[in-house]
Every structure is written in C-alpha cells, then in structure tokens.
Amino acid sequence: ALAVAVAETALGLILVGLKGVFPAAKCTAAGHWRTDPQWIGDRCVREMHGMTIGLVGASSVGRELLRLLRAFSVQVQIYDPYVSEAQAQALGARKVELDDLMATSDVVTLHAADLPETRGMIGGRQLAMMKDQAILINTARGALIDQPALVDELRKGRLFAFLDVTSPEPPAADHPLRTLPNVVLTPHIAGPMSNGCRLIGEAAVGQIEAFVRGVELNSEITREAYAILA
C-alpha cells in the first residue's frame, strides 16, 4: 500500500523536474519572465517524451512507478541485481548496470532498500557520471547516497536533486542541502500522509480476510524477500 503513494510522488517529481517548475518559479518570483535574459528555460525545461528514466531498484515502489510510466513515451531502464533481463523486459524496462544507468539517464530515481550493500551506492564517481542537467530523485532511503559527495556535485550546478529522505534525518539546520538552489528538500512525505493512510488500513484488512479464507496473499513477505527489505 505504501508503494502507491511513493510511486505517485516520484512520478510527480519527474514531471515537475523535467519541466523545471521549481527554478522557473524562483525566476518568476524574482521579477523575471521568459523574455528576460535571466530566464533559464532553455537549459532546464523539457517534456517527458523521449526521455530516459533510470530506476535504481525494482522494489514494490519501483514496480508501481514502472506501471505508471507506461502511460508516457519514455525509455525506462532499471538496475537491480535481483531482477533478470527477462523480468525487466516483462516490467517494460531494460536491465542495465548501475554505471550505465547513471551515465545515460535523464532522470535517476532511487527505489532500493537500506542494506549494507546499498549504503552509499550513489557516490562521487556515480554522480560525476550523470548528464548535465540530469535529475536525481530519492524517495527511498537517505543512506543510499553519499551526501557529502552529492553536496560537492550539486555545488557545480550541473544537476538538480529532489530529496525526500536524508541521512541523518532531518539534516542539520545549517546543512547545505537546505540552501543549495538546485535542491528541493522535503520532510519525508512521499509515503501516505492523509487519505493514503486509509489505503494502508484497507490493504491490511484485505490481507487478513485473504488469510482467513485461505487464498493467496498479495503482500506476503517470504524469507527471500525479507532478506532484501529495508
């Protein structure tokens, strides 16, 4: 049930990120318009059509986002060592290695669990591989990104980041992520906050009813799945 809300949030950030909504709004609030020299639209305003979206992790959230992305004319690629090429194709994506995903995606969105092997997986080397004007979205776990390396890369002005999670959380009041102009930092709100909580309750009740009836559970946590959950 959590996956629906988080995937919808990630999709929304992809859309407003490519369209450059946040920097455009700042530009407009400062008194400028599209005809002014200060307009930054040529560098940051794009449409979804033809973009390459890279997902790190084909988790429940990742798979829900993959479903939503089918409505758009985009190329989708995923990095997930637990997913085969055939499974990736069935999900409507191309399986790639992490370096390839970082280097070729217009948007990189993270949906992996916080595990010993994933902590800091997006480090300085991976960030430096990203395209100029690429967008990085993290609605998963803050520990997936090497934060000092991210700050260093963001200070170059090449990338734009949407961070709903950090490590630690919240970041210090004077942390650069709070003030850098090419970061949108939100307080861990990608998951259900209000009406989405009803969906969680309905899902829980539905699973109890399914268990009592002896039918298949669609949210069962197997031993294999438990080993790679955050």
C-alpha atoms as a PDB file:
ATOM      1  CA  ALA A   1       0.000   0.000   0.000  1.00  0.00           C
ATOM      2  CA  LEU A   2       2.897   2.344   0.678  1.00  0.00           C
ATOM      3  CA  ALA A   3       4.198   1.801  -2.832  1.00  0.00           C
ATOM      4  CA  VAL A   4       1.272   3.572  -4.492  1.00  0.00           C
ATOM      5  CA  ALA A   5       1.812   6.892  -2.713  1.00  0.00           C
ATOM      6  CA  VAL A   6       5.598   6.860  -3.057  1.00  0.00           C
ATOM      7  CA  ALA A   7       5.460   5.960  -6.760  1.00  0.00           C
ATOM      8  CA  GLU A   8       2.923   8.730  -7.427  1.00  0.00           C
ATOM      9  CA  THR A   9       5.201  11.198  -5.641  1.00  0.00           C
ATOM     10  CA  ALA A  10       8.201  10.050  -7.685  1.00  0.00           C
ATOM     11  CA  LEU A  11       6.229  10.424 -10.913  1.00  0.00           C
ATOM     12  CA  GLY A  12       5.166  13.928  -9.925  1.00  0.00           C
ATOM     13  CA  LEU A  13       8.771  14.893  -9.210  1.00  0.00           C
ATOM     14  CA  ILE A  14       9.873  13.518 -12.579  1.00  0.00           C
ATOM     15  CA  LEU A  15       7.271  15.667 -14.326  1.00  0.00           C
ATOM     16  CA  VAL A  16       7.932  18.923 -12.482  1.00  0.00           C
ATOM     17  CA  GLY A  17      11.667  18.255 -12.536  1.00  0.00           C
ATOM     18  CA  LEU A  18      11.883  17.893 -16.294  1.00  0.00           C
ATOM     19  CA  LYS A  19       9.643  20.919 -16.760  1.00  0.00           C
ATOM     20  CA  GLY A  20      11.885  22.972 -14.480  1.00  0.00           C
ATOM     21  CA  VAL A  21       8.945  24.111 -12.379  1.00  0.00           C
ATOM     22  CA  PHE A  22      10.913  24.993  -9.242  1.00  0.00           C
ATOM     23  CA  PRO A  23      13.724  27.043 -10.824  1.00  0.00           C
ATOM     24  CA  ALA A  24      11.197  28.680 -13.159  1.00  0.00           C
ATOM     25  CA  ALA A  25       9.036  29.650 -10.187  1.00  0.00           C
ATOM     26  CA  LYS A  26      12.051  31.174  -8.424  1.00  0.00           C
ATOM     27  CA  CYS A  27      12.929  33.091 -11.577  1.00  0.00           C
ATOM     28  CA  THR A  28       9.394  34.416 -11.881  1.00  0.00           C
ATOM     29  CA  ALA A  29       9.193  35.304  -8.180  1.00  0.00           C
ATOM     30  CA  ALA A  30      12.360  37.362  -8.630  1.00  0.00           C
ATOM     31  CA  GLY A  31      10.525  39.504 -11.186  1.00  0.00           C
ATOM     32  CA  HIS A  32      11.719  37.872 -14.402  1.00  0.00           C
ATOM     33  CA  TRP A  33       9.791  36.307 -17.271  1.00  0.00           C
ATOM     34  CA  ARG A  34      10.509  34.083 -20.250  1.00  0.00           C
ATOM     35  CA  THR A  35      11.693  37.027 -22.347  1.00  0.00           C
ATOM     36  CA  ASP A  36      14.280  38.187 -19.771  1.00  0.00           C
ATOM     37  CA  PRO A  37      17.975  37.320 -20.080  1.00  0.00           C
ATOM     38  CA  GLN A  38      17.785  35.665 -16.667  1.00  0.00           C
ATOM     39  CA  TRP A  39      15.368  33.045 -17.998  1.00  0.00           C
ATOM     40  CA  ILE A  40      16.858  29.580 -17.601  1.00  0.00           C
ATOM     41  CA  GLY A  41      14.265  27.692 -19.563  1.00  0.00           C
ATOM     42  CA  ASP A  42      16.480  26.643 -22.453  1.00  0.00           C
ATOM     43  CA  ARG A  43      18.595  24.600 -20.063  1.00  0.00           C
ATOM     44  CA  CYS A  44      16.026  23.013 -17.785  1.00  0.00           C
ATOM     45  CA  VAL A  45      12.571  22.853 -19.407  1.00  0.00           C
ATOM     46  CA  ARG A  46      11.885  19.548 -21.083  1.00  0.00           C
ATOM     47  CA  GLU A  47       8.963  17.251 -21.731  1.00  0.00           C
ATOM     48  CA  MET A  48       8.666  13.564 -20.841  1.00  0.00           C
ATOM     49  CA  HIS A  49       8.589  12.453 -24.479  1.00  0.00           C
ATOM     50  CA  GLY A  50      11.806  10.705 -25.446  1.00  0.00           C
ATOM     51  CA  MET A  51      13.419  10.970 -22.019  1.00  0.00           C
ATOM     52  CA  THR A  52      15.350   8.102 -20.425  1.00  0.00           C
ATOM     53  CA  ILE A  53      14.218   7.307 -16.891  1.00  0.00           C
ATOM     54  CA  GLY A  54      16.512   5.167 -14.757  1.00  0.00           C
ATOM     55  CA  LEU A  55      15.213   3.288 -11.713  1.00  0.00           C
ATOM     56  CA  VAL A  56      17.623   2.000  -9.091  1.00  0.00           C
ATOM     57  CA  GLY A  57      15.706  -0.873  -7.553  1.00  0.00           C
ATOM     58  CA  ALA A  58      12.686  -2.795  -8.836  1.00  0.00           C
ATOM     59  CA  SER A  59      11.083  -2.803  -5.400  1.00  0.00           C
ATOM     60  CA  SER A  60       7.340  -2.589  -4.830  1.00  0.00           C
ATOM     61  CA  VAL A  61       7.636   1.171  -5.286  1.00  0.00           C
ATOM     62  CA  GLY A  62       9.832   0.749  -8.353  1.00  0.00           C
ATOM     63  CA  ARG A  63       7.362  -1.649  -9.942  1.00  0.00           C
ATOM     64  CA  GLU A  64       4.434   0.665  -9.248  1.00  0.00           C
ATOM     65  CA  LEU A  65       6.367   3.528 -10.835  1.00  0.00           C
ATOM     66  CA  LEU A  66       7.154   1.325 -13.830  1.00  0.00           C
ATOM     67  CA  ARG A  67       3.417   0.741 -14.202  1.00  0.00           C
ATOM     68  CA  LEU A  68       2.715   4.479 -14.111  1.00  0.00           C
ATOM     69  CA  LEU A  69       5.467   5.234 -16.625  1.00  0.00           C
ATOM     70  CA  ARG A  70       3.788   3.036 -19.237  1.00  0.00           C
ATOM     71  CA  ALA A  71       1.489   5.989 -19.942  1.00  0.00           C
ATOM     72  CA  PHE A  72       4.439   8.015 -21.270  1.00  0.00           C
ATOM     73  CA  SER A  73       6.684   7.792 -24.314  1.00  0.00           C
ATOM     74  CA  VAL A  74       9.877   7.272 -22.340  1.00  0.00           C
ATOM     75  CA  GLN A  75      12.735   4.808 -22.312  1.00  0.00           C
ATOM     76  CA  VAL A  76      12.920   3.053 -18.953  1.00  0.00           C
ATOM     77  CA  GLN A  77      15.918   1.202 -17.583  1.00  0.00           C
ATOM     78  CA  ILE A  78      16.488  -0.427 -14.219  1.00  0.00           C
ATOM     79  CA  TYR A  79      19.407  -1.516 -12.131  1.00  0.00           C
ATOM     80  CA  ASP A  80      18.585  -4.331  -9.735  1.00  0.00           C
ATOM     81  CA  PRO A  81      20.848  -7.352  -9.195  1.00  0.00           C
ATOM     82  CA  TYR A  82      17.827  -9.406  -8.091  1.00  0.00           C
ATOM     83  CA  VAL A  83      15.989  -8.911 -11.396  1.00  0.00           C
ATOM     84  CA  SER A  84      16.816 -10.855 -14.563  1.00  0.00           C
ATOM     85  CA  GLU A  85      16.805  -9.403 -18.068  1.00  0.00           C
ATOM     86  CA  ALA A  86      13.618 -11.329 -18.822  1.00  0.00           C
ATOM     87  CA  GLN A  87      11.921  -9.975 -15.696  1.00  0.00           C
ATOM     88  CA  ALA A  88      12.999  -6.443 -16.576  1.00  0.00           C
ATOM     89  CA  GLN A  89      11.528  -6.813 -20.064  1.00  0.00           C
ATOM     90  CA  ALA A  90       8.286  -8.085 -18.561  1.00  0.00           C
ATOM     91  CA  LEU A  91       8.189  -4.926 -16.445  1.00  0.00           C
ATOM     92  CA  GLY A  92       8.637  -2.793 -19.569  1.00  0.00           C
ATOM     93  CA  ALA A  93      12.234  -1.822 -18.881  1.00  0.00           C
ATOM     94  CA  ARG A  94      15.787  -2.599 -19.921  1.00  0.00           C
ATOM     95  CA  LYS A  95      18.159  -4.104 -17.365  1.00  0.00           C
ATOM     96  CA  VAL A  96      21.476  -2.242 -17.120  1.00  0.00           C
ATOM     97  CA  GLU A  97      24.401  -1.952 -14.751  1.00  0.00           C
ATOM     98  CA  LEU A  98      24.476   0.935 -12.299  1.00  0.00           C
ATOM     99  CA  ASP A  99      27.230   2.870 -14.088  1.00  0.00           C
ATOM    100  CA  ASP A 100      25.370   2.651 -17.397  1.00  0.00           C
ATOM    101  CA  LEU A 101      22.156   3.830 -15.757  1.00  0.00           C
ATOM    102  CA  MET A 102      23.837   6.803 -14.112  1.00  0.00           C
ATOM    103  CA  ALA A 103      25.591   7.858 -17.316  1.00  0.00           C
ATOM    104  CA  THR A 104      22.656   7.573 -19.725  1.00  0.00           C
ATOM    105  CA  SER A 105      19.537   8.552 -17.757  1.00  0.00           C
ATOM    106  CA  ASP A 106      17.921  11.984 -17.889  1.00  0.00           C
ATOM    107  CA  VAL A 107      16.265  11.171 -14.565  1.00  0.00           C
ATOM    108  CA  VAL A 108      17.586   8.781 -11.920  1.00  0.00           C
ATOM    109  CA  THR A 109      15.095   7.788  -9.244  1.00  0.00           C
ATOM    110  CA  LEU A 110      16.038   5.609  -6.281  1.00  0.00           C
ATOM    111  CA  HIS A 111      13.850   2.763  -5.002  1.00  0.00           C
ATOM    112  CA  ALA A 112      16.281   0.419  -3.271  1.00  0.00           C
ATOM    113  CA  ALA A 113      16.308  -0.775   0.330  1.00  0.00           C
ATOM    114  CA  ASP A 114      18.741   0.384   3.006  1.00  0.00           C
ATOM    115  CA  LEU A 115      21.087  -2.600   3.236  1.00  0.00           C
ATOM    116  CA  PRO A 116      24.815  -2.892   3.975  1.00  0.00           C
ATOM    117  CA  GLU A 117      25.499  -3.376   0.265  1.00  0.00           C
ATOM    118  CA  THR A 118      23.398  -0.390  -0.839  1.00  0.00           C
ATOM    119  CA  ARG A 119      24.590   2.258   1.625  1.00  0.00           C
ATOM    120  CA  GLY A 120      26.479   4.942  -0.246  1.00  0.00           C
ATOM    121  CA  MET A 121      25.941   3.145  -3.558  1.00  0.00           C
ATOM    122  CA  ILE A 122      25.422   6.523  -5.226  1.00  0.00           C
ATOM    123  CA  GLY A 123      28.815   8.078  -4.552  1.00  0.00           C
ATOM    124  CA  GLY A 124      31.010  10.711  -6.094  1.00  0.00           C
ATOM    125  CA  ARG A 125      32.000   8.534  -9.051  1.00  0.00           C
ATOM    126  CA  GLN A 126      28.411   7.701  -9.936  1.00  0.00           C
ATOM    127  CA  LEU A 127      27.250  11.304  -9.524  1.00  0.00           C
ATOM    128  CA  ALA A 128      30.040  12.572 -11.769  1.00  0.00           C
ATOM    129  CA  MET A 129      28.809  10.205 -14.493  1.00  0.00           C
ATOM    130  CA  MET A 130      25.392  11.843 -14.668  1.00  0.00           C
ATOM    131  CA  LYS A 131      24.476  14.002 -17.640  1.00  0.00           C
ATOM    132  CA  ASP A 132      24.497  17.768 -17.324  1.00  0.00           C
ATOM    133  CA  GLN A 133      21.001  18.913 -16.273  1.00  0.00           C
ATOM    134  CA  ALA A 134      20.104  15.391 -15.130  1.00  0.00           C
ATOM    135  CA  ILE A 135      17.696  14.980 -12.219  1.00  0.00           C
ATOM    136  CA  LEU A 136      18.264  12.808  -9.154  1.00  0.00           C
ATOM    137  CA  ILE A 137      15.248  11.765  -7.070  1.00  0.00           C
ATOM    138  CA  ASN A 138      15.434   9.969  -3.741  1.00  0.00           C
ATOM    139  CA  THR A 139      12.164   8.906  -2.120  1.00  0.00           C
ATOM    140  CA  ALA A 140      13.704   5.706  -0.740  1.00  0.00           C
ATOM    141  CA  ARG A 141      16.402   5.942   1.938  1.00  0.00           C
ATOM    142  CA  GLY A 142      18.888   8.727   2.567  1.00  0.00           C
ATOM    143  CA  ALA A 143      21.735   6.283   3.191  1.00  0.00           C
ATOM    144  CA  LEU A 144      21.733   5.218  -0.480  1.00  0.00           C
ATOM    145  CA  ILE A 145      23.563   8.452  -1.375  1.00  0.00           C
ATOM    146  CA  ASP A 146      26.953   9.649  -0.193  1.00  0.00           C
ATOM    147  CA  GLN A 147      25.661  13.044   0.986  1.00  0.00           C
ATOM    148  CA  PRO A 148      28.987  14.934   1.114  1.00  0.00           C
ATOM    149  CA  ALA A 149      29.691  13.759  -2.439  1.00  0.00           C
ATOM    150  CA  LEU A 150      26.213  14.876  -3.512  1.00  0.00           C
ATOM    151  CA  VAL A 151      26.734  18.317  -1.995  1.00  0.00           C
ATOM    152  CA  ASP A 152      30.054  18.633  -3.832  1.00  0.00           C
ATOM    153  CA  GLU A 153      28.444  17.694  -7.150  1.00  0.00           C
ATOM    154  CA  LEU A 154      25.420  19.944  -6.656  1.00  0.00           C
ATOM    155  CA  ARG A 155      27.672  22.910  -5.973  1.00  0.00           C
ATOM    156  CA  LYS A 156      28.905  22.571  -9.559  1.00  0.00           C
ATOM    157  CA  GLY A 157      25.377  23.447 -10.731  1.00  0.00           C
ATOM    158  CA  ARG A 158      25.143  20.568 -13.208  1.00  0.00           C
ATOM    159  CA  LEU A 159      22.408  18.547 -11.538  1.00  0.00           C
ATOM    160  CA  PHE A 160      19.062  19.042  -9.852  1.00  0.00           C
ATOM    161  CA  ALA A 161      18.006  16.898  -6.897  1.00  0.00           C
ATOM    162  CA  PHE A 162      14.716  16.115  -5.212  1.00  0.00           C
ATOM    163  CA  LEU A 163      15.387  14.626  -1.785  1.00  0.00           C
ATOM    164  CA  ASP A 164      12.529  13.397   0.380  1.00  0.00           C
ATOM    165  CA  VAL A 165      14.945  11.464   2.594  1.00  0.00           C
ATOM    166  CA  THR A 166      18.384  12.215   4.027  1.00  0.00           C
ATOM    167  CA  SER A 167      20.914  10.600   6.324  1.00  0.00           C
ATOM    168  CA  PRO A 168      20.652  11.589   9.102  1.00  0.00           C
ATOM    169  CA  GLU A 169      17.080  12.755   9.099  1.00  0.00           C
ATOM    170  CA  PRO A 170      16.430  15.611   9.433  1.00  0.00           C
ATOM    171  CA  PRO A 171      19.656  17.217   8.257  1.00  0.00           C
ATOM    172  CA  ALA A 172      21.250  19.885  10.450  1.00  0.00           C
ATOM    173  CA  ALA A 173      19.621  23.305  10.307  1.00  0.00           C
ATOM    174  CA  ASP A 174      22.683  24.728   8.550  1.00  0.00           C
ATOM    175  CA  HIS A 175      23.198  21.798   6.164  1.00  0.00           C
ATOM    176  CA  PRO A 176      23.920  22.878   2.551  1.00  0.00           C
ATOM    177  CA  LEU A 177      21.054  20.721   1.273  1.00  0.00           C
ATOM    178  CA  ARG A 178      18.680  23.224   2.864  1.00  0.00           C
ATOM    179  CA  THR A 179      20.037  26.177   0.905  1.00  0.00           C
ATOM    180  CA  LEU A 180      21.540  24.992  -2.371  1.00  0.00           C
ATOM    181  CA  PRO A 181      19.468  26.447  -5.237  1.00  0.00           C
ATOM    182  CA  ASN A 182      19.356  23.189  -7.202  1.00  0.00           C
ATOM    183  CA  VAL A 183      17.840  21.052  -4.445  1.00  0.00           C
ATOM    184  CA  VAL A 184      14.238  20.591  -3.361  1.00  0.00           C
ATOM    185  CA  LEU A 185      14.268  19.067   0.121  1.00  0.00           C
ATOM    186  CA  THR A 186      11.012  17.723   1.556  1.00  0.00           C
ATOM    187  CA  PRO A 187      10.444  16.246   5.052  1.00  0.00           C
ATOM    188  CA  HIS A 188       9.906  12.556   4.219  1.00  0.00           C
ATOM    189  CA  ILE A 189       6.368  12.969   2.870  1.00  0.00           C
ATOM    190  CA  ALA A 190       6.430  10.703  -0.195  1.00  0.00           C
ATOM    191  CA  GLY A 191       4.563   7.945   1.627  1.00  0.00           C
ATOM    192  CA  PRO A 192       0.904   8.098   2.674  1.00  0.00           C
ATOM    193  CA  MET A 193       0.190  11.131   4.853  1.00  0.00           C
ATOM    194  CA  SER A 194      -3.608  11.536   4.982  1.00  0.00           C
ATOM    195  CA  ASN A 195      -6.086   9.831   2.662  1.00  0.00           C
ATOM    196  CA  GLY A 196      -3.331   7.402   1.709  1.00  0.00           C
ATOM    197  CA  CYS A 197      -3.386   6.042   5.263  1.00  0.00           C
ATOM    198  CA  ARG A 198      -6.854   4.666   4.542  1.00  0.00           C
ATOM    199  CA  LEU A 199      -5.326   2.651   1.715  1.00  0.00           C
ATOM    200  CA  ILE A 200      -2.898   1.078   4.185  1.00  0.00           C
ATOM    201  CA  GLY A 201      -5.744   0.105   6.501  1.00  0.00           C
ATOM    202  CA  GLU A 202      -7.815  -1.335   3.673  1.00  0.00           C
ATOM    203  CA  ALA A 203      -4.828  -3.321   2.463  1.00  0.00           C
ATOM    204  CA  ALA A 204      -4.181  -4.745   5.938  1.00  0.00           C
ATOM    205  CA  VAL A 205      -7.819  -5.759   6.394  1.00  0.00           C
ATOM    206  CA  GLY A 206      -7.840  -7.295   2.918  1.00  0.00           C
ATOM    207  CA  GLN A 207      -4.790  -9.413   3.723  1.00  0.00           C
ATOM    208  CA  ILE A 208      -6.339 -10.640   6.987  1.00  0.00           C
ATOM    209  CA  GLU A 209      -9.518 -11.617   5.128  1.00  0.00           C
ATOM    210  CA  ALA A 210      -7.466 -13.413   2.474  1.00  0.00           C
ATOM    211  CA  PHE A 211      -5.536 -15.312   5.142  1.00  0.00           C
ATOM    212  CA  VAL A 212      -8.737 -16.385   6.901  1.00  0.00           C
ATOM    213  CA  ARG A 213     -10.214 -17.578   3.599  1.00  0.00           C
ATOM    214  CA  GLY A 214      -7.030 -19.449   2.775  1.00  0.00           C
ATOM    215  CA  VAL A 215      -6.414 -17.656  -0.512  1.00  0.00           C
ATOM    216  CA  GLU A 216      -3.151 -16.292  -1.856  1.00  0.00           C
ATOM    217  CA  LEU A 217      -1.770 -13.195  -0.141  1.00  0.00           C
ATOM    218  CA  ASN A 218      -0.546 -10.456  -2.487  1.00  0.00           C
ATOM    219  CA  SER A 219       1.621  -8.813   0.183  1.00  0.00           C
ATOM    220  CA  GLU A 220       3.173 -11.881   1.784  1.00  0.00           C
ATOM    221  CA  ILE A 221       6.771 -11.430   2.940  1.00  0.00           C
ATOM    222  CA  THR A 222       8.723 -14.550   2.034  1.00  0.00           C
ATOM    223  CA  ARG A 223      12.074 -15.480   3.583  1.00  0.00           C
ATOM    224  CA  GLU A 224      13.766 -14.461   0.329  1.00  0.00           C
ATOM    225  CA  ALA A 225      12.017 -11.092   0.224  1.00  0.00           C
ATOM    226  CA  TYR A 226      12.706 -10.403   3.904  1.00  0.00           C
ATOM    227  CA  ALA A 227      16.449 -10.559   3.271  1.00  0.00           C
ATOM    228  CA  ILE A 228      16.358  -7.547   0.937  1.00  0.00           C
ATOM    229  CA  LEU A 229      13.762  -5.348   2.649  1.00  0.00           C
ATOM    230  CA  ALA A 230      14.661  -2.005   4.192  1.00  0.00           C
END
